[in-house]
Amino acid sequence: MVIYTGVTDDVQRRLEEHRTSQGSKHTREHGFEKLLYTEKHKTRSKARGREKQIKGWRREKKVNLS
């Protein structure tokens, strides 16, 4: 399982982009299976901060989010 972490204001649109290879380079190269976890934040800045935090975690900690 490949884990991708990102920020969007429209989860459904972003999932469709990933499914149709219009999403990130990461999902174009590694594919997309399913959404495991989402969070909502009041501002894009807070979402980006959380994204950065999660990206710094080890794989096992990310898997435990789901």
N, C-alpha and C. Protein backbone atom coordinates (compact mmCIF):
# COMPACT_ATOMS: atom_id res chain seq x y z
N MET A 1 0.85 -1.18 0.00
CA MET A 1 0.00 0.00 0.00
C MET A 1 0.89 1.24 0.00
N VAL A 2 0.59 2.13 -0.91
CA VAL A 2 1.28 3.42 -1.01
C VAL A 2 0.42 4.45 -0.29
N ILE A 3 1.04 5.31 0.49
CA ILE A 3 0.30 6.34 1.23
C ILE A 3 0.61 7.71 0.64
N TYR A 4 -0.46 8.43 0.31
CA TYR A 4 -0.36 9.79 -0.24
C TYR A 4 -1.04 10.74 0.72
N THR A 5 -0.42 11.86 1.01
CA THR A 5 -0.99 12.88 1.88
C THR A 5 -1.09 14.18 1.10
N GLY A 6 -2.27 14.81 1.13
CA GLY A 6 -2.45 16.05 0.39
C GLY A 6 -3.55 16.91 0.97
N VAL A 7 -3.73 18.10 0.40
CA VAL A 7 -4.73 19.07 0.84
C VAL A 7 -5.63 19.41 -0.33
N THR A 8 -6.94 19.48 -0.08
CA THR A 8 -7.90 19.91 -1.10
C THR A 8 -9.10 20.55 -0.43
N ASP A 9 -9.84 21.36 -1.17
CA ASP A 9 -11.08 21.91 -0.64
C ASP A 9 -12.29 21.17 -1.21
N ASP A 10 -12.05 20.14 -2.02
CA ASP A 10 -13.12 19.34 -2.61
C ASP A 10 -12.64 17.89 -2.74
N VAL A 11 -12.93 17.09 -1.72
CA VAL A 11 -12.42 15.71 -1.66
C VAL A 11 -12.91 14.89 -2.85
N GLN A 12 -14.20 14.97 -3.18
CA GLN A 12 -14.74 14.16 -4.27
C GLN A 12 -14.07 14.49 -5.61
N ARG A 13 -13.89 15.78 -5.88
CA ARG A 13 -13.21 16.18 -7.12
C ARG A 13 -11.78 15.65 -7.15
N ARG A 14 -11.08 15.77 -6.03
CA ARG A 14 -9.68 15.33 -5.98
C ARG A 14 -9.57 13.83 -6.15
N LEU A 15 -10.49 13.07 -5.57
CA LEU A 15 -10.49 11.62 -5.75
C LEU A 15 -10.67 11.26 -7.22
N GLU A 16 -11.58 11.95 -7.89
CA GLU A 16 -11.81 11.70 -9.31
C GLU A 16 -10.56 12.04 -10.12
N GLU A 17 -9.88 13.11 -9.78
CA GLU A 17 -8.63 13.46 -10.46
C GLU A 17 -7.59 12.34 -10.29
N HIS A 18 -7.49 11.81 -9.10
CA HIS A 18 -6.54 10.72 -8.87
C HIS A 18 -6.94 9.46 -9.65
N ARG A 19 -8.23 9.16 -9.67
CA ARG A 19 -8.72 7.96 -10.39
C ARG A 19 -8.48 8.05 -11.89
N THR A 20 -8.50 9.26 -12.43
CA THR A 20 -8.36 9.45 -13.88
C THR A 20 -6.96 9.93 -14.27
N SER A 21 -6.01 9.73 -13.37
CA SER A 21 -4.59 10.10 -13.61
C SER A 21 -4.39 11.59 -13.87
N GLN A 22 -5.28 12.42 -13.35
CA GLN A 22 -5.12 13.87 -13.46
C GLN A 22 -4.68 14.47 -12.13
N GLY A 23 -4.45 13.61 -11.14
CA GLY A 23 -4.05 14.07 -9.81
C GLY A 23 -2.56 14.30 -9.73
N SER A 24 -2.01 14.02 -8.59
CA SER A 24 -0.59 14.27 -8.35
C SER A 24 0.30 13.31 -9.14
N LYS A 25 1.53 13.72 -9.32
CA LYS A 25 2.53 12.85 -9.96
C LYS A 25 2.66 11.54 -9.19
N HIS A 26 2.58 11.64 -7.87
CA HIS A 26 2.70 10.46 -7.00
C HIS A 26 1.65 9.40 -7.35
N THR A 27 0.38 9.82 -7.47
CA THR A 27 -0.66 8.83 -7.78
C THR A 27 -0.62 8.39 -9.24
N ARG A 28 -0.13 9.22 -10.14
CA ARG A 28 0.04 8.77 -11.53
C ARG A 28 1.08 7.66 -11.59
N GLU A 29 2.14 7.78 -10.79
CA GLU A 29 3.21 6.79 -10.81
C GLU A 29 2.88 5.53 -10.01
N HIS A 30 2.15 5.69 -8.90
CA HIS A 30 1.92 4.57 -7.99
C HIS A 30 0.49 4.05 -7.98
N GLY A 31 -0.42 4.74 -8.65
CA GLY A 31 -1.81 4.31 -8.67
C GLY A 31 -2.59 4.81 -7.46
N PHE A 32 -3.88 4.52 -7.48
CA PHE A 32 -4.79 4.95 -6.43
C PHE A 32 -5.77 3.82 -6.17
N GLU A 33 -5.91 3.42 -4.92
CA GLU A 33 -6.85 2.35 -4.57
C GLU A 33 -8.07 2.87 -3.84
N LYS A 34 -7.85 3.50 -2.68
CA LYS A 34 -8.99 3.97 -1.90
C LYS A 34 -8.56 5.06 -0.93
N LEU A 35 -9.54 5.84 -0.51
CA LEU A 35 -9.34 6.87 0.49
C LEU A 35 -9.37 6.22 1.87
N LEU A 36 -8.36 6.48 2.68
CA LEU A 36 -8.29 5.87 4.01
C LEU A 36 -8.72 6.81 5.12
N TYR A 37 -8.50 8.12 4.95
CA TYR A 37 -8.69 9.03 6.08
C TYR A 37 -8.81 10.47 5.59
N THR A 38 -9.67 11.25 6.22
CA THR A 38 -9.76 12.69 5.92
C THR A 38 -9.87 13.48 7.23
N GLU A 39 -9.51 14.73 7.15
CA GLU A 39 -9.68 15.68 8.25
C GLU A 39 -10.17 16.99 7.64
N LYS A 40 -10.96 17.75 8.41
CA LYS A 40 -11.36 19.09 7.99
C LYS A 40 -10.65 20.11 8.86
N HIS A 41 -10.25 21.22 8.23
CA HIS A 41 -9.59 22.31 8.94
C HIS A 41 -10.24 23.63 8.55
N LYS A 42 -10.21 24.59 9.45
CA LYS A 42 -10.88 25.88 9.21
C LYS A 42 -10.18 26.73 8.16
N THR A 43 -8.87 26.57 8.02
CA THR A 43 -8.13 27.36 7.03
C THR A 43 -7.18 26.46 6.24
N ARG A 44 -6.85 26.90 5.04
CA ARG A 44 -5.88 26.16 4.22
C ARG A 44 -4.52 26.13 4.91
N SER A 45 -4.20 27.20 5.60
CA SER A 45 -2.92 27.26 6.32
C SER A 45 -2.84 26.17 7.39
N LYS A 46 -3.91 25.99 8.14
CA LYS A 46 -3.93 24.93 9.16
C LYS A 46 -3.87 23.55 8.51
N ALA A 47 -4.55 23.40 7.39
CA ALA A 47 -4.51 22.12 6.67
C ALA A 47 -3.10 21.82 6.18
N ARG A 48 -2.43 22.82 5.65
CA ARG A 48 -1.05 22.64 5.17
C ARG A 48 -0.11 22.28 6.32
N GLY A 49 -0.33 22.91 7.47
CA GLY A 49 0.49 22.59 8.64
C GLY A 49 0.31 21.15 9.07
N ARG A 50 -0.94 20.69 9.06
CA ARG A 50 -1.22 19.30 9.43
C ARG A 50 -0.65 18.35 8.39
N GLU A 51 -0.76 18.70 7.11
CA GLU A 51 -0.18 17.89 6.04
C GLU A 51 1.33 17.73 6.27
N LYS A 52 1.99 18.81 6.56
CA LYS A 52 3.43 18.77 6.80
C LYS A 52 3.76 17.87 8.00
N GLN A 53 2.95 17.98 9.05
CA GLN A 53 3.16 17.15 10.24
C GLN A 53 3.03 15.67 9.88
N ILE A 54 1.95 15.31 9.20
CA ILE A 54 1.71 13.91 8.84
C ILE A 54 2.80 13.39 7.91
N LYS A 55 3.22 14.20 6.95
CA LYS A 55 4.27 13.76 6.03
C LYS A 55 5.58 13.46 6.75
N GLY A 56 5.77 14.05 7.93
CA GLY A 56 6.97 13.80 8.71
C GLY A 56 6.92 12.53 9.55
N TRP A 57 5.75 11.91 9.60
CA TRP A 57 5.57 10.70 10.40
C TRP A 57 6.11 9.48 9.69
N ARG A 58 6.42 8.45 10.49
CA ARG A 58 6.77 7.14 9.93
C ARG A 58 5.50 6.49 9.39
N ARG A 59 5.68 5.58 8.48
CA ARG A 59 4.58 4.88 7.82
C ARG A 59 3.59 4.28 8.81
N GLU A 60 4.09 3.59 9.84
CA GLU A 60 3.20 2.89 10.77
C GLU A 60 2.26 3.86 11.48
N LYS A 61 2.73 5.05 11.79
CA LYS A 61 1.87 6.04 12.43
C LYS A 61 0.79 6.53 11.46
N LYS A 62 1.14 6.71 10.20
CA LYS A 62 0.16 7.11 9.19
C LYS A 62 -0.91 6.03 9.02
N VAL A 63 -0.49 4.77 8.96
CA VAL A 63 -1.44 3.66 8.79
C VAL A 63 -2.41 3.63 9.96
N ASN A 64 -1.96 3.97 11.15
CA ASN A 64 -2.83 3.94 12.33
C ASN A 64 -3.88 5.04 12.33
N LEU A 65 -3.78 6.03 11.45
CA LEU A 65 -4.82 7.05 11.33
C LEU A 65 -6.12 6.45 10.81
N SER A 66 -6.00 5.46 9.94
CA SER A 66 -7.20 4.94 9.26
C SER A 66 -8.02 4.00 10.10
